[in-house]
Amino acid sequence: MPASPAPTWWTPAVRMGVSIAVAVGVYGVSFGALAVAAGLSVGQAVVLSMLMFTGGSQFAFIGVISGGGTLAAATTAASLLGIRNAVYGVQLNALLRPRAALKPVMAQLTIDESTATALSQPDRAESRRGFWTAGVGVWVMWNLFTLLGALLGSQIGDPAAFGLDGAAVAAFLGLLWPRLKGRDAGAIAVASAFVTLVAVPFVPAGIPIIIAAAVSGALAVAQHRRKP
């Protein structure tokens, strides 16, 4: 008996978006646990994740809070890391040409994964399927696992007793590492790490990551201008 053909909606872009949603979404459990360990309630962790919804910024926010930084410093650090999503938004708006009513939702779902899925497709229709599948899929999976992690984290107690007080840094590096491709990205990472180490003894908690973000932004602009 011949196998049934795949449904027409199960295109390569949809399959890619679903795969990415599952693979990335499970990381949310670490954010949920670390957010609670940093002092947030389960509800605060989930709402923060639903609204901010960009992993690097979320880990930066709780990393600053858990290190004793102020809310202003944590928000500034998270915002600086989220600037790249605005650049993605310009690219996606030109590529997908969404209706005006969809733009606010599309902006909320514009992250590394949904952008990469959309940009890697051969035509606009597949790009749209890839963007929405990856964006909605990651949002749902990430926040479900954030809730699970927050519930588990609320039962752990003192995170330092389990060696989890440094886990935010490790999780952030886990998200960053796949993006360090090429000499330019590596040079920015090394320079940012250096200025952070130099700044830590002299400025309040949370400020070093802001300085590092400013340095990385300046270097990225300089590298862009250098290219022909």
Foldseek 3Di string as FASTA:
>chain_A
DDDDDDDPLCDPLLVLLLVLLVVQLLLLLLLLLLQVLLPDALVVSLVCCLQLVEVLLSLQLSLLSSQVHDNVLSNLLSVLVCVVLVVLLVVCCVQQVDDPVCSVVLSSLRYPQLSVSLVPDDHNVSSVSNNVSNSVSNSVSSSVSSSVNNVVSVPPPNVVVVPCSCVSVVSSCVVCVVVCPDDLSVVLVVVLVVQLVVCVVPDDRSVSSSVSSVSSVVSVVVVVVPDD
